[in-house]
Protein backbone atom coordinates (compact mmCIF):
# COMPACT_ATOMS: atom_id res chain seq x y z
CA MET A 1 141.83 311.85 88.27
CA THR A 2 144.23 313.68 86.19
CA ASP A 3 147.26 314.69 87.41
CA GLN A 4 148.24 318.19 87.37
CA PRO A 5 151.20 319.81 86.76
CA PRO A 6 153.80 321.23 89.91
CA ALA A 7 152.34 325.12 89.87
CA ASP A 8 156.86 326.08 90.59
CA ALA A 9 156.49 324.40 86.79
CA GLY A 10 153.85 326.59 85.27
CA LYS A 11 155.76 329.53 86.87
CA GLU A 12 158.54 328.11 85.01
CA ALA A 13 157.61 328.10 81.85
CA PHE A 14 156.23 331.54 82.15
CA ALA A 15 158.80 333.01 82.87
CA LEU A 16 160.75 331.52 80.05
CA TYR A 17 158.08 333.14 77.89
CA GLU A 18 158.39 336.67 79.76
CA ALA A 19 162.29 335.87 79.42
CA GLY A 20 161.70 335.95 75.37
CA LYS A 21 162.94 331.75 75.52
CA TYR A 22 160.12 330.82 73.70
CA ARG A 23 161.56 327.37 72.44
CA GLU A 24 162.34 326.68 76.28
CA SER A 25 158.73 327.21 77.16
CA ILE A 26 157.41 325.14 74.38
CA ASP A 27 159.11 322.16 75.73
CA LEU A 28 158.27 322.42 79.13
CA CYS A 29 154.38 323.42 78.60
CA THR A 30 154.62 320.38 75.54
CA CYS A 31 156.44 317.92 78.45
CA LEU A 32 154.29 319.81 81.81
CA LEU A 33 151.31 318.96 79.37
CA LYS A 34 151.45 315.33 78.72
CA GLY A 35 149.10 313.26 80.76
CA SER A 36 147.54 317.29 81.86
CA ASP A 37 144.44 319.17 80.50
CA ASP A 38 145.69 322.32 82.39
CA SER A 39 143.88 324.86 80.05
CA SER A 40 146.77 327.52 81.43
CA LEU A 41 149.00 325.43 80.39
CA ALA A 42 147.85 325.00 76.54
CA ILE A 43 146.98 328.76 76.25
CA LEU A 44 151.09 329.60 77.30
CA LEU A 45 151.95 327.14 74.62
CA ALA A 46 149.58 328.86 72.02
CA THR A 47 151.04 331.94 73.26
CA ASN A 48 154.74 331.10 72.92
CA LEU A 49 153.89 329.89 68.93
CA PHE A 50 152.08 332.87 68.10
CA ALA A 51 155.12 334.92 69.83
CA LEU A 52 157.82 332.76 66.94
CA GLY A 53 155.50 332.99 64.12
CA GLU A 54 154.02 329.80 64.09
CA TYR A 55 150.31 331.01 63.42
CA ASN A 56 148.98 327.41 61.63
CA GLU A 57 150.10 325.78 64.97
CA ALA A 58 149.03 328.50 66.92
CA GLU A 59 145.79 328.46 65.66
CA ALA A 60 145.49 324.80 65.96
CA HIS A 61 146.11 324.68 69.60
CA LEU A 62 143.33 327.33 70.40
CA ARG A 63 141.30 325.68 68.20
CA ASP A 64 141.61 322.73 69.83
CA LEU A 65 141.12 324.88 73.07
CA LEU A 66 138.10 326.24 71.76
CA ARG A 67 136.09 322.78 71.82
CA LYS A 68 136.63 322.01 75.14
CA MET A 69 135.80 326.36 75.93
CA PRO A 70 133.85 327.60 72.73
CA GLU A 71 132.34 330.27 75.27
CA SER A 72 135.82 331.53 76.39
CA SER A 73 135.77 334.93 75.06
CA TYR A 74 138.75 335.32 75.51
CA LEU A 75 140.28 332.15 73.42
CA HIS A 76 138.13 333.93 70.27
CA SER A 77 139.92 336.70 70.72
CA PHE A 78 143.10 335.09 70.62
CA LEU A 79 141.98 333.67 68.06
CA GLY A 80 141.33 336.53 66.06
CA ARG A 81 144.66 338.17 66.94
CA VAL A 82 146.25 334.89 65.53
CA LEU A 83 144.39 334.88 61.98
CA SER A 84 145.16 338.65 61.34
CA ALA A 85 148.32 338.68 62.53
CA ARG A 86 148.78 335.77 59.28
CA GLY A 87 146.27 338.00 56.89
CA ASP A 88 143.45 335.69 57.47
CA GLY A 89 139.82 336.96 56.67
CA ARG A 90 138.22 334.89 59.23
CA ALA A 91 139.93 336.96 62.48
CA VAL A 92 136.88 339.44 62.21
CA ALA A 93 134.85 336.09 62.80
CA ALA A 94 136.55 335.11 65.62
CA TYR A 95 136.82 338.78 67.22
CA ALA A 96 132.95 339.42 66.41
CA ARG A 97 132.39 335.85 68.30
CA ALA A 98 134.69 337.25 71.41
CA VAL A 99 132.43 340.88 72.26
CA GLN A 100 129.59 338.59 71.61
CA LEU A 101 130.13 336.45 74.49
CA ASP A 102 131.44 339.12 76.59
CA PRO A 103 130.54 343.04 75.47
CA ALA A 104 132.86 344.10 78.07
CA ASN A 105 135.92 342.81 76.95
CA GLU A 106 138.21 345.53 76.52
CA GLU A 107 140.78 343.22 74.57
CA ALA A 108 138.16 341.68 72.12
CA LEU A 109 136.82 344.97 71.37
CA ARG A 110 139.66 347.03 70.93
CA ALA A 111 141.60 344.06 68.78
CA TYR A 112 137.97 343.94 66.53
CA ALA A 113 138.72 347.87 66.89
CA ALA A 114 142.08 347.48 65.83
CA TYR A 115 141.05 345.23 62.92
CA PHE A 116 138.98 347.47 60.84
CA SER A 117 141.26 350.50 61.77
CA GLY A 118 143.95 348.70 60.16
CA LYS A 119 141.54 348.27 57.19
CA ARG A 120 140.70 351.54 56.73
CA ASP A 121 137.04 350.85 57.72
CA GLN A 122 136.12 353.57 59.97
CA MET A 123 132.30 353.38 59.79
CA SER A 124 132.80 349.56 61.13
CA ALA A 125 135.16 350.35 63.38
CA VAL A 126 133.01 353.92 64.78
CA PRO A 127 130.40 351.59 66.87
CA ILE A 128 133.03 349.05 68.82
CA LEU A 129 135.84 352.44 69.65
CA SER A 130 131.97 353.60 71.08
CA ALA A 131 131.39 350.92 73.06
CA LEU A 132 134.98 350.47 73.77
CA ALA A 133 135.96 353.63 74.91
CA ARG A 134 133.07 354.10 77.63
CA VAL A 135 133.53 349.80 79.17
CA SER A 136 137.69 351.10 79.67
CA GLY A 137 137.29 354.59 80.29
CA LYS A 138 140.67 354.87 78.71
CA LYS A 139 142.06 357.99 77.16
CA GLU A 140 143.81 356.73 74.34
CA ASP A 141 140.44 354.62 73.21
CA ALA A 142 138.80 357.64 73.54
CA ARG A 143 141.02 359.50 71.42
CA ALA A 144 140.92 356.50 68.97
CA LEU A 145 137.23 356.59 68.69
CA ILE A 146 137.05 360.60 68.28
CA ARG A 147 139.79 359.93 65.02
CA ALA A 148 137.20 357.78 63.88
CA LEU A 149 134.59 359.77 64.13
CA ILE A 150 136.73 362.70 61.82
CA GLU A 151 138.01 359.60 59.73
CA CYS A 152 134.44 359.29 58.64
CA GLY A 153 133.19 363.05 58.51
CA ARG A 154 131.04 362.87 61.86
CA GLY A 155 132.63 365.86 63.23
CA GLU A 156 129.65 367.08 65.51
CA GLU A 157 129.76 363.55 67.04
CA ALA A 158 133.29 363.71 67.43
CA LEU A 159 133.04 367.26 69.39
CA SER A 160 130.39 365.08 71.51
CA ALA A 161 132.43 362.62 72.19
CA TYR A 162 135.67 364.71 72.61
CA GLN A 163 133.54 366.31 75.85
CA GLU A 164 131.75 363.97 77.68
CA LEU A 165 134.70 361.45 77.46
CA LEU A 166 138.01 363.97 77.40
CA GLY A 167 136.26 367.00 78.93
CA GLY A 168 139.70 368.88 78.12
CA THR A 169 139.95 372.41 78.12
CA ASP A 170 142.81 372.46 76.32
CA ALA A 171 142.31 372.49 72.50
CA ASP A 172 144.27 369.85 70.42
CA ALA A 173 145.16 368.17 67.03
CA GLU A 174 141.77 365.97 67.75
CA TYR A 175 139.84 368.72 68.85
CA ILE A 176 140.67 371.32 65.81
CA ASP A 177 139.89 368.47 63.29
CA ALA A 178 136.80 368.14 64.96
CA LEU A 179 135.91 371.42 64.45
CA MET A 180 137.00 372.03 61.24
CA VAL A 181 134.92 368.81 60.08
CA ALA A 182 132.21 370.11 61.48
CA GLY A 183 132.35 372.84 59.60
CA ARG A 184 133.61 375.13 62.09
CA HIS A 185 136.80 376.75 60.63
CA ARG A 186 136.34 380.37 62.79
CA ASP A 187 136.79 378.54 65.55
CA ALA A 188 139.24 376.24 64.43
CA ALA A 189 141.53 378.62 63.27
CA ALA A 190 141.02 380.60 66.55
CA ALA A 191 142.01 377.32 68.83
CA SER A 192 144.86 376.72 66.29
CA VAL A 193 146.85 379.86 66.37
CA GLU A 194 146.65 380.29 69.94
CA THR A 195 147.37 376.63 70.63
CA PHE A 196 150.51 377.39 67.62
CA ARG A 197 151.19 380.80 69.57
CA ARG A 198 151.03 378.35 73.18
CA THR A 199 153.68 375.38 72.15
CA GLY A 200 155.20 376.07 68.82
CA ASP A 201 153.86 372.78 66.96
CA SER A 202 154.23 373.53 63.31
CA ALA A 203 150.74 370.68 63.20
CA PHE A 204 148.83 373.49 64.83
CA LEU A 205 150.36 376.19 62.29
CA ARG A 206 149.47 373.95 59.51
CA GLN A 207 145.48 373.05 60.73
CA TYR A 208 145.33 377.35 61.52
CA LEU A 209 146.49 377.62 57.76
CA ALA A 210 143.83 374.93 56.45
CA ALA A 211 141.17 376.76 58.73
CA LEU A 212 141.94 379.89 57.21
CA SER A 213 141.67 379.01 54.01
CA ALA A 214 138.26 377.59 54.22
CA PHE A 215 137.19 381.38 55.16
CA ASP A 216 139.51 384.24 54.04
CA ARG A 217 141.97 382.94 51.52
CA LEU A 218 143.71 385.82 50.68
CA ALA A 219 144.41 386.35 54.54
CA ALA A 220 145.94 382.66 53.86
CA LEU A 221 147.71 383.65 50.61
CA LYS A 222 149.86 386.47 52.70
CA ILE A 223 150.47 384.66 55.78
CA PHE A 224 151.96 380.88 54.37
CA PRO A 225 155.06 382.80 52.48
CA ARG A 226 156.13 383.99 56.75
CA TYR A 227 156.07 380.63 57.99
CA LEU A 228 157.71 378.19 55.14
CA GLY A 229 161.55 379.35 54.71
CA ASP A 230 161.24 378.38 58.54
CA THR A 231 159.95 375.25 58.15
CA SER A 232 160.49 371.80 56.58
CA ASP A 233 157.01 370.90 56.70
CA ASN A 234 156.25 369.28 52.90
CA ASP A 235 152.77 369.38 54.07
CA LEU A 236 152.67 372.68 54.83
CA LEU A 237 154.38 374.03 51.19
CA PHE A 238 152.06 371.76 49.39
CA ASP A 239 148.95 373.25 51.54
CA TYR A 240 150.41 376.45 49.80
CA VAL A 241 150.86 374.99 46.12
CA LEU A 242 147.14 373.84 46.30
CA LEU A 243 146.04 377.09 47.30
CA LEU A 244 147.53 379.06 45.30
CA LYS A 245 146.59 377.12 42.16
CA SER A 246 142.81 377.44 42.67
CA GLU A 247 143.00 381.41 43.28
CA GLY A 248 144.85 380.46 39.64
CA ARG A 249 148.00 382.25 40.42
CA CYS A 250 149.36 379.39 38.77
CA ARG A 251 153.18 380.56 38.34
CA GLU A 252 153.42 380.76 41.63
CA ALA A 253 152.43 377.53 42.59
CA LEU A 254 154.69 376.46 40.02
CA GLU A 255 157.46 377.92 41.81
CA ALA A 256 156.33 376.36 45.19
CA CYS A 257 155.99 373.09 43.56
CA GLU A 258 159.47 372.61 42.10
CA ARG A 259 160.27 373.83 45.56
CA LEU A 260 157.95 370.90 47.28
CA LEU A 261 159.94 368.24 44.14
CA ALA A 262 163.33 369.63 45.46
CA ARG A 263 162.99 368.26 48.48
CA SER A 264 160.77 365.06 47.54
CA PRO A 265 160.30 363.76 44.20
CA HIS A 266 156.43 362.62 45.20
CA PRO A 267 154.30 361.60 42.22
CA ILE A 268 151.20 363.35 43.62
CA TYR A 269 153.17 366.20 43.82
CA GLN A 270 154.89 365.68 40.62
CA LEU A 271 151.31 364.51 38.88
CA VAL A 272 150.12 368.58 40.41
CA ALA A 273 153.14 370.11 38.95
CA CYS A 274 152.53 368.27 35.83
CA GLU A 275 149.27 370.41 35.37
CA LEU A 276 151.04 373.53 36.67
CA ILE A 277 153.13 373.16 33.71
CA ALA A 278 150.17 373.20 31.55
CA ALA A 279 148.29 376.14 33.24
CA THR A 280 151.35 378.12 32.55
CA GLY A 281 150.96 377.44 28.63
CA GLN A 282 153.88 375.31 28.49
CA THR A 283 152.32 372.22 26.23
CA GLU A 284 155.80 370.58 25.58
CA LEU A 285 156.99 370.35 28.69
CA ALA A 286 153.95 369.29 30.60
CA ARG A 287 153.46 366.15 27.65
CA GLU A 288 156.76 365.03 28.37
CA CYS A 289 156.55 365.71 32.21
CA TYR A 290 153.47 363.33 32.25
CA GLU A 291 155.11 360.69 30.21
CA ALA A 292 157.89 360.95 32.69
CA LEU A 293 155.74 360.74 35.55
CA ILE A 294 153.42 357.44 33.73
CA ARG A 295 156.55 355.80 32.57
CA GLY A 296 158.07 355.46 36.17
CA GLY A 297 154.82 354.08 37.26
CA VAL A 298 154.53 351.97 35.16
CA ALA A 299 158.07 350.52 36.42
CA GLY A 300 157.62 350.37 39.75
CA MET A 301 153.49 349.19 39.47
CA ASP A 302 153.58 349.81 43.12
CA ASP A 303 151.05 352.22 43.41
CA PRO A 304 148.63 351.28 40.81
CA GLU A 305 146.08 353.74 42.02
CA THR A 306 148.64 356.63 41.92
CA LEU A 307 149.34 355.18 38.09
CA GLU A 308 145.93 355.67 37.30
CA MET A 309 145.24 359.03 38.32
CA SER A 310 148.16 360.24 36.10
CA VAL A 311 147.18 358.04 33.17
CA ALA A 312 143.29 359.95 33.72
CA ALA A 313 145.21 363.38 33.79
CA TYR A 314 147.39 362.39 31.21
CA GLU A 315 143.98 362.12 28.77
CA GLN A 316 142.02 364.84 30.02
CA PHE A 317 145.50 367.06 29.29
CA LEU A 318 146.27 365.56 25.42
CA ARG A 319 142.25 366.11 24.79
CA LYS A 320 142.35 369.73 25.64
CA ALA A 321 145.62 370.53 24.22
CA TYR A 322 145.42 368.65 21.02
CA SER A 323 142.10 367.95 20.06
CA PRO A 324 142.47 364.39 19.02
CA GLU A 325 140.65 362.10 17.01
CA THR A 326 141.61 359.08 18.57
CA VAL A 327 144.22 358.01 20.34
CA PRO A 328 147.53 359.27 19.71
CA ALA A 329 150.66 357.50 19.44
CA CYS A 330 151.89 359.11 22.09
CA TYR A 331 149.54 357.64 24.49
CA LEU A 332 150.40 353.59 23.15
CA GLU A 333 153.85 354.49 23.63
CA THR A 334 153.72 356.41 27.12
CA VAL A 335 150.75 354.02 28.66
CA SER A 336 149.90 350.98 26.41
CA ARG A 337 153.10 349.61 25.89
CA ASP A 338 153.71 347.81 29.34
CA PRO A 339 150.80 345.46 29.37
CA ASN A 340 150.37 345.74 33.55
CA VAL A 341 146.31 346.12 34.00
CA VAL A 342 146.19 349.56 34.53
CA SER A 343 147.50 350.55 31.26
CA LEU A 344 145.56 347.67 29.68
CA THR A 345 141.94 349.45 30.94
CA ARG A 346 142.85 352.79 30.39
CA THR A 347 143.86 352.25 26.67
CA GLY A 348 140.75 350.01 26.39
CA ILE A 349 138.56 352.50 27.65
CA PHE A 350 140.79 356.01 26.24
CA TYR A 351 139.20 354.06 22.92
CA ALA A 352 135.65 353.51 23.63
CA SER A 353 135.71 357.26 24.09
CA PHE A 354 136.43 357.48 20.22
CA GLY A 355 134.13 355.10 19.76
CA ASP A 356 136.15 352.57 18.20
CA MET A 357 134.69 349.40 20.33
CA GLU A 358 136.94 347.09 17.93
CA ALA A 359 140.06 348.55 19.89
CA ALA A 360 138.34 349.20 23.17
CA ARG A 361 137.14 345.19 23.59
CA ASP A 362 140.51 344.65 22.24
CA TRP A 363 142.57 346.25 24.83
CA LEU A 364 139.85 345.25 27.62
CA TYR A 365 139.77 341.65 27.32
CA ARG A 366 143.59 341.23 27.17
CA ALA A 367 143.23 342.77 30.62
CA TYR A 368 140.85 340.04 32.10
CA ARG A 369 143.17 338.17 30.47
CA LEU A 370 145.92 339.11 32.47
CA ASP A 371 144.05 339.80 35.90
CA PHE A 372 140.85 338.08 35.30
CA LEU A 373 139.28 340.04 38.80
CA ASN A 374 140.24 343.76 37.69
CA GLY A 375 140.82 343.43 34.27
CA GLY A 376 137.34 341.21 33.73
CA ILE A 377 134.76 343.79 35.84
CA GLU A 378 136.29 346.20 33.89
CA TYR A 379 136.16 344.52 30.74
CA ALA A 380 132.22 342.64 31.66
CA ARG A 381 131.21 346.72 32.87
CA PHE A 382 132.43 347.42 28.41
CA LEU A 383 130.01 344.30 27.60
CA ALA A 384 127.20 345.92 29.75
CA ARG A 385 127.60 349.09 28.08
CA GLN A 386 127.56 347.37 24.47
CA GLY A 387 124.25 345.52 25.54
CA GLU A 388 126.23 341.89 25.32
CA THR A 389 123.97 340.95 28.66
CA ARG A 390 124.25 337.06 28.16
CA GLU A 391 129.03 337.30 27.66
CA CYS A 392 128.86 340.16 30.15
CA GLU A 393 126.99 337.71 33.10
CA LYS A 394 129.36 334.71 31.65
CA ILE A 395 132.55 336.75 32.95
CA LEU A 396 131.17 337.86 35.92
CA ILE A 397 129.98 334.35 36.80
CA HIS A 398 133.69 333.22 36.19
CA ILE A 399 135.27 336.08 38.72
CA LEU A 400 133.34 334.76 41.18
CA THR A 401 133.44 331.74 40.83
CA ASN A 402 137.60 331.98 41.09
CA THR A 403 137.71 334.87 43.33
CA ARG A 404 138.67 333.36 46.46
CA ARG A 405 139.30 336.74 49.04
CA THR A 406 136.15 338.23 50.96
CA ALA A 407 136.98 341.77 49.50
CA ASP A 408 137.42 340.83 45.99
CA LEU A 409 134.03 339.10 46.59
CA VAL A 410 132.83 342.17 47.85
CA LYS A 411 134.53 344.49 44.26
CA VAL A 412 132.47 341.94 42.55
CA ALA A 413 129.20 342.53 44.27
CA GLU A 414 129.25 345.98 44.04
CA ALA A 415 130.07 345.81 40.32
CA VAL A 416 126.87 343.94 40.03
CA ILE A 417 124.74 345.78 41.65
CA GLY A 418 125.95 349.04 40.12
CA GLY A 419 125.91 346.68 36.73
CA ASP A 420 123.78 347.83 33.84
CA GLU A 421 123.28 344.26 32.57
CA GLY A 422 119.38 343.18 33.58
CA GLY A 423 116.98 340.86 33.01
CA ALA A 424 117.54 337.13 33.18
CA GLY A 425 121.02 337.67 33.49
CA ARG A 426 121.36 340.04 36.21
CA ARG A 427 118.95 337.61 38.06
CA ARG A 428 121.64 334.62 37.06
CA LEU A 429 123.90 336.68 38.50
CA LEU A 430 122.58 337.95 41.60
CA ASP A 431 120.93 334.03 42.81
CA ALA A 432 124.92 333.45 42.51
CA LEU A 433 126.30 335.97 44.02
CA VAL A 434 123.72 335.25 47.03
CA ARG A 435 124.88 331.98 47.07
CA ARG A 436 128.84 332.88 47.43
CA PHE A 437 127.53 335.26 50.30
CA SER A 438 126.03 332.61 52.23
CA THR A 439 129.59 330.88 52.59
CA GLU A 440 131.15 333.77 53.28
CA THR A 441 128.92 334.86 56.60
CA GLY A 442 131.42 334.55 59.24
CA HIS A 443 134.15 336.38 57.40
CA LEU A 444 132.36 339.47 56.13
CA GLY A 445 132.82 341.88 58.87
CA PRO A 446 130.24 344.50 58.39
CA GLU A 447 131.06 346.42 55.61
CA GLY A 448 130.64 342.84 53.90
CA THR A 449 127.40 341.91 55.44
CA GLU A 450 125.52 345.51 54.23
CA ILE A 451 127.09 344.81 50.60
CA PHE A 452 125.58 341.27 50.86
CA ALA A 453 122.16 342.61 52.19
CA ARG A 454 121.95 345.09 48.59
CA VAL A 455 122.40 341.96 46.92
CA CYS A 456 119.72 340.93 49.20
CA LEU A 457 117.64 344.02 47.98
CA CYS A 458 118.38 343.91 44.38
CA ALA A 459 118.18 340.04 43.96
CA ALA A 460 114.62 340.67 45.69
CA ARG A 461 113.61 343.60 43.50
CA VAL A 462 114.48 340.98 40.70
CA ALA A 463 112.38 338.54 41.59
CA LEU A 464 109.25 340.71 42.51
CA ASP A 465 109.62 342.45 38.83
CA THR A 466 109.04 338.79 37.75
CA GLY A 467 106.45 337.81 39.87
CA ASP A 468 108.51 335.21 41.79
CA TYR A 469 106.72 336.56 45.08
CA VAL A 470 107.85 333.66 47.35
CA ARG A 471 111.27 334.00 46.13
CA CYS A 472 111.29 337.65 46.96
CA LYS A 473 110.30 337.53 50.70
CA GLU A 474 113.07 334.65 51.25
CA TYR A 475 115.58 337.09 49.57
CA CYS A 476 114.12 340.53 52.35
CA LEU A 477 113.57 338.39 55.45
CA HIS A 478 117.43 337.40 54.83
CA GLY A 479 118.88 340.69 53.60
CA LEU A 480 116.30 342.10 56.78
CA ASP A 481 118.40 339.99 58.92
CA LEU A 482 121.85 341.21 57.68
CA SER A 483 120.97 345.26 57.02
CA ARG A 484 121.73 347.95 59.18
CA THR A 485 121.32 350.95 56.90
CA CYS A 486 118.70 349.99 53.75
CA THR A 487 116.07 348.52 56.79
CA ASP A 488 112.86 350.92 54.99
CA ALA A 489 114.20 349.54 51.39
CA PHE A 490 113.42 346.16 52.11
CA PHE A 491 109.69 346.31 54.04
CA ASP A 492 108.72 348.84 50.73
CA VAL A 493 109.96 345.73 48.94
CA VAL A 494 107.47 343.35 51.10
CA ARG A 495 104.81 345.52 50.64
CA ARG A 496 104.45 345.75 47.25
CA CYS A 497 104.90 341.71 46.86
CA LYS A 498 102.28 341.82 48.99
CA GLU A 499 99.85 343.76 47.35
CA ALA A 500 101.13 341.70 44.46
CA THR A 501 100.67 338.72 45.64
CA VAL A 502 96.84 336.63 45.15
CA ALA A 503 97.74 333.46 47.52
CA GLU A 504 99.95 334.10 50.56
CA LEU A 505 102.51 331.28 51.40
CA PRO A 506 104.81 331.25 54.35
CA VAL A 507 108.94 331.63 52.99
CA PHE A 508 109.73 329.52 56.88
CA PRO A 509 107.76 326.89 58.03
CA PHE A 510 106.09 327.12 61.64
CA ASP A 511 106.57 324.23 63.82
CA GLY A 512 105.38 325.88 66.96
CA GLU A 513 108.11 324.38 69.01
CA GLY A 514 111.16 327.23 70.20
CA GLU A 515 114.57 326.56 69.28
CA GLY A 516 115.58 324.26 72.60
CA ALA A 517 112.38 322.18 71.99
CA ARG A 518 113.89 321.68 68.44
CA ALA A 519 117.56 320.82 69.58
CA ALA A 520 116.38 318.73 72.26
CA ARG A 521 114.46 317.04 70.00
CA ALA A 522 117.51 316.37 67.46
CA ASP A 523 119.85 315.67 70.13
CA ARG A 524 117.38 312.93 71.27
CA SER A 525 117.40 311.60 67.79
CA LYS A 526 121.09 311.00 66.96
CA ASN A 527 121.55 307.94 68.12
CA ASP A 528 117.92 306.58 66.83
CA VAL A 529 120.15 305.96 62.98
CA GLU A 530 122.40 303.77 63.28
CA GLU A 531 124.14 304.47 59.64
CA PRO A 532 125.09 301.29 57.37
CA ASP A 533 128.75 300.03 57.12
CA LEU A 534 130.02 302.35 54.04
CA GLY A 535 133.64 300.58 53.91
CA LEU A 536 135.86 303.89 54.42
CA ASP A 537 138.98 304.22 54.44
CA GLU A 538 141.02 305.34 57.29
CA ARG A 539 141.17 309.12 55.85
CA GLU A 540 137.44 309.09 54.68
CA THR A 541 136.10 308.63 58.75
CA ALA A 542 138.78 311.06 59.85
CA LEU A 543 136.48 312.89 57.79
CA VAL A 544 133.46 312.10 58.34
CA ALA A 545 134.25 312.73 62.09
CA PHE A 546 135.85 315.97 61.29
CA LEU A 547 133.16 317.20 59.42
CA ARG A 548 130.36 315.60 61.65
CA GLN A 549 131.55 317.59 64.90
CA HIS A 550 132.31 320.47 62.90
CA ARG A 551 129.36 321.00 60.42
CA GLU A 552 131.40 322.84 57.92
CA THR A 553 134.91 323.06 56.91
CA ASN A 554 137.26 324.02 54.37
CA GLU A 555 140.33 322.58 51.76
CA GLU A 556 142.75 324.28 53.89
CA GLU A 557 141.69 322.73 57.33
CA LEU A 558 141.18 319.59 56.08
CA ARG A 559 144.34 319.44 54.50
CA LYS A 560 145.41 319.36 58.02
CA VAL A 561 143.45 316.87 59.07
CA LEU A 562 144.15 314.44 56.58
CA GLY A 563 147.25 315.04 56.07
CA THR A 564 147.92 315.68 52.59
CA ARG A 565 146.86 318.85 49.88
CA ARG A 566 145.37 316.47 47.72
CA VAL A 567 141.92 316.70 49.41
CA SER A 568 140.18 317.45 46.18
CA GLY A 569 140.66 313.30 45.79
CA VAL A 570 139.46 311.85 49.42
CA VAL A 571 136.54 314.48 49.00
CA ASN A 572 135.65 313.02 45.43
CA ARG A 573 135.34 308.99 46.56
CA LEU A 574 133.56 309.24 49.98
CA ILE A 575 130.56 311.56 47.98
CA LYS A 576 130.70 308.58 45.77
CA LYS A 577 130.50 306.09 48.22
CA VAL A 578 127.80 307.92 50.66
CA ASN A 579 125.72 308.80 47.84
CA ASP A 580 125.60 305.51 46.62
CA ALA A 581 124.83 304.12 49.43
CA GLY A 582 122.01 306.65 49.37
CA LEU A 583 123.27 308.31 52.37
CA PRO A 584 124.36 311.83 51.80
CA LEU A 585 126.86 312.82 54.12
CA ILE A 586 128.84 315.98 53.01
CA GLU A 587 128.38 318.85 50.41
CA LYS A 588 130.35 321.05 48.66
CA GLN A 589 128.99 324.76 48.44
CA GLY A 590 131.20 326.62 46.18
CA GLN A 591 134.72 328.19 46.17
CA GLY A 592 136.19 330.20 49.43
CA GLU A 593 138.69 332.71 50.94
CA HIS A 594 140.70 329.02 51.73
CA GLY A 595 139.37 326.95 48.99
CA GLU A 596 136.88 324.31 48.51
CA ILE A 597 133.60 324.76 51.10
CA TYR A 598 132.37 321.74 52.06
CA VAL A 599 128.97 321.41 54.64
CA TYR A 600 127.76 318.37 56.18
CA CYS A 601 124.11 317.24 55.77
CA GLY A 602 124.12 314.06 57.83
CA LYS A 603 122.55 313.28 61.03
């Protein structure tokens, strides 16, 4: 029997952890674990490593524990926290597994929801937060659900959740926001002004004025100035600027905006000021302000989205104020001098809007060379619009091959689904996307999974149009397995496919056995095959053993297993040896977020 460590020693290791003495706790845990299989000590060791920010080591210890306790919801949740802290997209799969194993695991549900909320993916967070709020009964979880519903624009659902889970009579910020989102502006105004008078909190004043502006703008314009002198709330002043602007009172709006800029020179405030200066007829001053704003954005390049918004607004201003026939010199001097992807793509798009396709091509190609993902997608779109389907396909396939992050894969998929390319090129792109997504299914999350389903739907429609009915059904069945939102569309394609099919062929073989029977038969046959001596060296043997156990791995994991960064060389030698022996054991499955993906295909 394995000796267990003394209980007092385990308590001492935990006390060291609670005191923040993580190294001392690790040393004691390591000593106690020699000759012991105490899982609580092993978890404490991983917890200390996590506290020190040593995420790779913590992950390695947790994966060792999961091989012994694969059904532990807590361990999967802990692994998710480690991966999330490291920015690893596989965290979502770990959280999902934890929730699958124990739907009442509050920690797992909360961490899973926080992962999506942290990515501002509230649509994915809502069902998780809904389950959590009902499991935990905690007000903070209920408020998190209500806030997520509000951010999704689901105001009536937020109000129902508020009444069911909180049931309070006093209006708070979430309740008023839910009324606003639900379109009940008069109720929101009444609730917010009453709460403001009772509490004096300026946040409720802003809610009141926003609600009032929705149904009585003139009254709101009269009330705003009463409070602006007594508050330093920039958001409240900006609301007033936008309300004046929407009413066409641009000079008053500009004066208010100048007050705002004196407090905070935020780029969005500057952009609105540029628009107001132009609207008051100060064309040259507006141009100077636009150009100063853009130069500042180019110099910092810390907010590409705002820079792109500013450049687009500048383009509209130039068209309206000067009616240029081609890209003017001031634009080239301001926007195009710096070789960043926003400037290059916007310049290319601006040239294309004047019909100068050669210049547009040059600028967009430069953007592609600088940033193969963002610049490449814009370049591919340009090529598709020009009818250059083959070149568009080539660019998108290159982007797809070199994409590592799951979020980038989703971005490429969205470009292909909404693209203009058609025919064989579209089919090849969709097939390539399906292959790539298939290697990432454990890392996608609800949003990525839904995008994958839409890719399958597009691929099914293309297969139907080209008469490939077997492939059409296959894509539909896989897409139905993935999708939550477009199931009716899949059934429609399947119906049309069956109407067009002359001779029905099954997509999936049916052997009459259940999953349990197949698994038992597979287990019995494992020991029936004797593998020949392949002459594997130590690293190749370790690689085969690791793959046989895990079935799938990637380049980053193998670096740890093999103790070398030159994983591809080891894998290539192994593939050659086993293929020469007529016994394939390993296949490459394309690139993923963590390098090349390898799958075990032996017995």
